[in-house]
């Protein structure tokens, strides 16, 4: 005799929340990465402008430009380091997101295949997994 199957529909919601929260964290880190990249590009432009002024300007003013160039190069290097750190965190979360999505999807598929209760918040996703989602996101009447 097969062991009695116990199923808690609220666990489906918990798994789905984990999936969506990790994806949201990745989006936030991606935004942070893009902001850092934009800052670095601005710093690199400043350094390039200071270099061009140092090369074509009065030799007495070159010392001031050299300081600006050194400061900009140091700032660009720090921004590059921060970008690498953010990218590592994105990569780590991407692995976690893949695992969370796989577990959530497997659990939802299991519930569908065994005709178990699916929380209303997940019915549209369940419909997608069953393949009964119509154009414009309208689900079949059996989801209602």
C-alpha atoms as a PDB file:
ATOM      1  CA  UNK A   1       0.000   0.000   0.000  1.00  0.00           C
ATOM      2  CA  UNK A   2       1.328   3.417  -0.965  1.00  0.00           C
ATOM      3  CA  UNK A   3       1.973   5.899   1.828  1.00  0.00           C
ATOM      4  CA  UNK A   4      -0.641   8.598   2.309  1.00  0.00           C
ATOM      5  CA  UNK A   5       0.201  11.730   0.359  1.00  0.00           C
ATOM      6  CA  UNK A   6       0.060  14.944   2.355  1.00  0.00           C
ATOM      7  CA  UNK A   7      -0.074  18.147   0.384  1.00  0.00           C
ATOM      8  CA  UNK A   8      -0.189  21.727   1.670  1.00  0.00           C
ATOM      9  CA  UNK A   9      -1.268  24.219  -1.041  1.00  0.00           C
ATOM     10  CA  UNK A  10       0.242  27.090   0.931  1.00  0.00           C
ATOM     11  CA  UNK A  11       3.688  25.585   0.261  1.00  0.00           C
ATOM     12  CA  UNK A  12       3.096  26.258  -3.433  1.00  0.00           C
ATOM     13  CA  UNK A  13       2.713  29.928  -2.589  1.00  0.00           C
ATOM     14  CA  UNK A  14       5.860  29.895  -0.468  1.00  0.00           C
ATOM     15  CA  UNK A  15       7.836  28.305  -3.298  1.00  0.00           C
ATOM     16  CA  UNK A  16       6.464  30.796  -5.808  1.00  0.00           C
ATOM     17  CA  UNK A  17       7.284  33.730  -3.480  1.00  0.00           C
ATOM     18  CA  UNK A  18      10.858  32.468  -3.226  1.00  0.00           C
ATOM     19  CA  UNK A  19      11.048  32.246  -7.011  1.00  0.00           C
ATOM     20  CA  UNK A  20       9.725  35.767  -7.527  1.00  0.00           C
ATOM     21  CA  UNK A  21      11.769  37.318  -4.706  1.00  0.00           C
ATOM     22  CA  UNK A  22      15.031  35.957  -6.102  1.00  0.00           C
ATOM     23  CA  UNK A  23      14.132  37.226  -9.566  1.00  0.00           C
ATOM     24  CA  UNK A  24      13.333  40.658  -8.092  1.00  0.00           C
ATOM     25  CA  UNK A  25      16.695  40.683  -6.306  1.00  0.00           C
ATOM     26  CA  UNK A  26      18.427  39.942  -9.608  1.00  0.00           C
ATOM     27  CA  UNK A  27      16.578  42.824 -11.282  1.00  0.00           C
ATOM     28  CA  UNK A  28      17.649  45.164  -8.473  1.00  0.00           C
ATOM     29  CA  UNK A  29      21.269  44.091  -8.761  1.00  0.00           C
ATOM     30  CA  UNK A  30      21.103  44.417 -12.525  1.00  0.00           C
ATOM     31  CA  UNK A  31      19.918  48.014 -12.117  1.00  0.00           C
ATOM     32  CA  UNK A  32      22.777  48.640  -9.690  1.00  0.00           C
ATOM     33  CA  UNK A  33      25.252  47.183 -12.199  1.00  0.00           C
ATOM     34  CA  UNK A  34      23.964  49.445 -14.981  1.00  0.00           C
ATOM     35  CA  UNK A  35      24.170  52.507 -12.717  1.00  0.00           C
ATOM     36  CA  UNK A  36      27.763  51.675 -11.826  1.00  0.00           C
ATOM     37  CA  UNK A  37      28.600  51.204 -15.502  1.00  0.00           C
ATOM     38  CA  UNK A  38      27.117  54.603 -16.362  1.00  0.00           C
ATOM     39  CA  UNK A  39      29.124  56.232 -13.555  1.00  0.00           C
ATOM     40  CA  UNK A  40      32.285  54.555 -14.795  1.00  0.00           C
ATOM     41  CA  UNK A  41      31.654  55.777 -18.336  1.00  0.00           C
ATOM     42  CA  UNK A  42      31.216  59.331 -17.021  1.00  0.00           C
ATOM     43  CA  UNK A  43      34.471  59.051 -15.070  1.00  0.00           C
ATOM     44  CA  UNK A  44      36.263  57.669 -18.120  1.00  0.00           C
ATOM     45  CA  UNK A  45      34.969  60.593 -20.201  1.00  0.00           C
ATOM     46  CA  UNK A  46      36.269  63.025 -17.581  1.00  0.00           C
ATOM     47  CA  UNK A  47      39.663  61.324 -17.638  1.00  0.00           C
ATOM     48  CA  UNK A  48      39.779  61.427 -21.447  1.00  0.00           C
ATOM     49  CA  UNK A  49      38.913  65.125 -21.436  1.00  0.00           C
ATOM     50  CA  UNK A  50      41.609  65.841 -18.846  1.00  0.00           C
ATOM     51  CA  UNK A  51      44.120  63.840 -20.937  1.00  0.00           C
ATOM     52  CA  UNK A  52      43.323  65.814 -24.062  1.00  0.00           C
ATOM     53  CA  UNK A  53      43.643  69.115 -22.178  1.00  0.00           C
ATOM     54  CA  UNK A  54      46.932  67.998 -20.616  1.00  0.00           C
ATOM     55  CA  UNK A  55      48.374  67.037 -23.990  1.00  0.00           C
ATOM     56  CA  UNK A  56      47.351  70.190 -25.794  1.00  0.00           C
ATOM     57  CA  UNK A  57      47.560  72.734 -23.034  1.00  0.00           C
ATOM     58  CA  UNK A  58      50.112  74.855 -21.297  1.00  0.00           C
ATOM     59  CA  UNK A  59      52.858  72.753 -19.694  1.00  0.00           C
ATOM     60  CA  UNK A  60      52.397  74.641 -16.411  1.00  0.00           C
ATOM     61  CA  UNK A  61      48.777  73.483 -16.112  1.00  0.00           C
ATOM     62  CA  UNK A  62      49.555  69.829 -16.840  1.00  0.00           C
ATOM     63  CA  UNK A  63      50.161  69.024 -13.170  1.00  0.00           C
ATOM     64  CA  UNK A  64      46.549  69.862 -12.347  1.00  0.00           C
ATOM     65  CA  UNK A  65      45.310  67.674 -15.177  1.00  0.00           C
ATOM     66  CA  UNK A  66      47.571  64.808 -14.125  1.00  0.00           C
ATOM     67  CA  UNK A  67      45.963  64.897 -10.671  1.00  0.00           C
ATOM     68  CA  UNK A  68      42.496  64.854 -12.271  1.00  0.00           C
ATOM     69  CA  UNK A  69      43.497  61.948 -14.509  1.00  0.00           C
ATOM     70  CA  UNK A  70      44.922  59.944 -11.601  1.00  0.00           C
ATOM     71  CA  UNK A  71      41.822  60.571  -9.485  1.00  0.00           C
ATOM     72  CA  UNK A  72      39.510  59.621 -12.358  1.00  0.00           C
ATOM     73  CA  UNK A  73      41.506  56.464 -13.113  1.00  0.00           C
ATOM     74  CA  UNK A  74      41.361  55.431  -9.440  1.00  0.00           C
ATOM     75  CA  UNK A  75      37.610  56.090  -9.335  1.00  0.00           C
ATOM     76  CA  UNK A  76      37.085  54.094 -12.551  1.00  0.00           C
ATOM     77  CA  UNK A  77      39.082  51.192 -11.102  1.00  0.00           C
ATOM     78  CA  UNK A  78      36.964  51.249  -7.926  1.00  0.00           C
ATOM     79  CA  UNK A  79      33.751  51.305  -9.980  1.00  0.00           C
ATOM     80  CA  UNK A  80      35.054  48.374 -12.044  1.00  0.00           C
ATOM     81  CA  UNK A  81      35.735  46.448  -8.811  1.00  0.00           C
ATOM     82  CA  UNK A  82      32.212  47.217  -7.573  1.00  0.00           C
ATOM     83  CA  UNK A  83      30.753  46.091 -10.908  1.00  0.00           C
ATOM     84  CA  UNK A  84      32.615  42.776 -10.655  1.00  0.00           C
ATOM     85  CA  UNK A  85      31.268  42.302  -7.121  1.00  0.00           C
ATOM     86  CA  UNK A  86      27.703  42.997  -8.237  1.00  0.00           C
ATOM     87  CA  UNK A  87      28.113  40.633 -11.193  1.00  0.00           C
ATOM     88  CA  UNK A  88      29.300  37.855  -8.857  1.00  0.00           C
ATOM     89  CA  UNK A  89      26.218  38.400  -6.693  1.00  0.00           C
ATOM     90  CA  UNK A  90      23.995  38.309  -9.802  1.00  0.00           C
ATOM     91  CA  UNK A  91      25.624  35.042 -10.897  1.00  0.00           C
ATOM     92  CA  UNK A  92      25.092  33.507  -7.454  1.00  0.00           C
ATOM     93  CA  UNK A  93      21.460  34.587  -7.407  1.00  0.00           C
ATOM     94  CA  UNK A  94      20.941  33.322 -10.957  1.00  0.00           C
ATOM     95  CA  UNK A  95      21.848  29.824  -9.789  1.00  0.00           C
ATOM     96  CA  UNK A  96      19.489  30.193  -6.843  1.00  0.00           C
ATOM     97  CA  UNK A  97      16.760  31.537  -9.124  1.00  0.00           C
ATOM     98  CA  UNK A  98      17.094  28.560 -11.432  1.00  0.00           C
ATOM     99  CA  UNK A  99      16.790  26.141  -8.548  1.00  0.00           C
ATOM    100  CA  UNK A 100      13.868  28.022  -6.974  1.00  0.00           C
ATOM    101  CA  UNK A 101      12.047  28.176 -10.290  1.00  0.00           C
ATOM    102  CA  UNK A 102      12.606  24.477 -10.963  1.00  0.00           C
ATOM    103  CA  UNK A 103      11.315  23.466  -7.531  1.00  0.00           C
ATOM    104  CA  UNK A 104       8.285  25.783  -7.731  1.00  0.00           C
ATOM    105  CA  UNK A 105       7.433  24.588 -11.234  1.00  0.00           C
ATOM    106  CA  UNK A 106       7.863  20.917 -10.312  1.00  0.00           C
ATOM    107  CA  UNK A 107       5.645  21.296  -7.256  1.00  0.00           C
ATOM    108  CA  UNK A 108       2.958  23.083  -9.265  1.00  0.00           C
ATOM    109  CA  UNK A 109       3.118  20.460 -12.021  1.00  0.00           C
ATOM    110  CA  UNK A 110       2.796  17.747  -9.368  1.00  0.00           C
ATOM    111  CA  UNK A 111      -0.298  19.443  -7.947  1.00  0.00           C
ATOM    112  CA  UNK A 112      -1.814  19.722 -11.426  1.00  0.00           C
ATOM    113  CA  UNK A 113      -1.028  16.120 -12.378  1.00  0.00           C
ATOM    114  CA  UNK A 114      -2.548  14.797  -9.149  1.00  0.00           C
ATOM    115  CA  UNK A 115      -5.556  17.104  -9.308  1.00  0.00           C
ATOM    116  CA  UNK A 116      -4.615  18.727  -5.996  1.00  0.00           C
ATOM    117  CA  UNK A 117      -5.743  22.101  -4.777  1.00  0.00           C
ATOM    118  CA  UNK A 118      -3.892  25.059  -6.314  1.00  0.00           C
ATOM    119  CA  UNK A 119      -4.101  28.471  -4.619  1.00  0.00           C
ATOM    120  CA  UNK A 120      -6.029  31.032  -6.641  1.00  0.00           C
ATOM    121  CA  UNK A 121      -2.905  33.215  -6.910  1.00  0.00           C
ATOM    122  CA  UNK A 122      -1.260  30.454  -8.950  1.00  0.00           C
ATOM    123  CA  UNK A 123      -4.139  29.416 -11.157  1.00  0.00           C
ATOM    124  CA  UNK A 124      -2.976  31.490 -14.124  1.00  0.00           C
ATOM    125  CA  UNK A 125       0.509  29.962 -13.871  1.00  0.00           C
ATOM    126  CA  UNK A 126      -1.046  26.516 -13.493  1.00  0.00           C
ATOM    127  CA  UNK A 127      -3.061  27.197 -16.639  1.00  0.00           C
ATOM    128  CA  UNK A 128       0.133  28.092 -18.477  1.00  0.00           C
ATOM    129  CA  UNK A 129       1.715  24.827 -17.370  1.00  0.00           C
ATOM    130  CA  UNK A 130      -1.351  22.896 -18.484  1.00  0.00           C
ATOM    131  CA  UNK A 131      -1.188  24.732 -21.790  1.00  0.00           C
ATOM    132  CA  UNK A 132      -4.672  26.210 -21.592  1.00  0.00           C
ATOM    133  CA  UNK A 133      -3.753  29.890 -21.647  1.00  0.00           C
ATOM    134  CA  UNK A 134      -5.293  31.738 -24.528  1.00  0.00           C
ATOM    135  CA  UNK A 135      -4.069  34.918 -26.220  1.00  0.00           C
ATOM    136  CA  UNK A 136      -4.093  38.044 -24.070  1.00  0.00           C
ATOM    137  CA  UNK A 137      -3.572  36.002 -20.880  1.00  0.00           C
ATOM    138  CA  UNK A 138      -7.171  34.804 -20.632  1.00  0.00           C
ATOM    139  CA  UNK A 139      -7.323  31.433 -18.916  1.00  0.00           C
ATOM    140  CA  UNK A 140      -9.898  28.761 -19.510  1.00  0.00           C
ATOM    141  CA  UNK A 141     -13.094  28.664 -17.488  1.00  0.00           C
ATOM    142  CA  UNK A 142     -11.933  25.629 -15.573  1.00  0.00           C
ATOM    143  CA  UNK A 143      -9.498  27.935 -13.688  1.00  0.00           C
ATOM    144  CA  UNK A 144     -12.422  29.836 -12.178  1.00  0.00           C
END
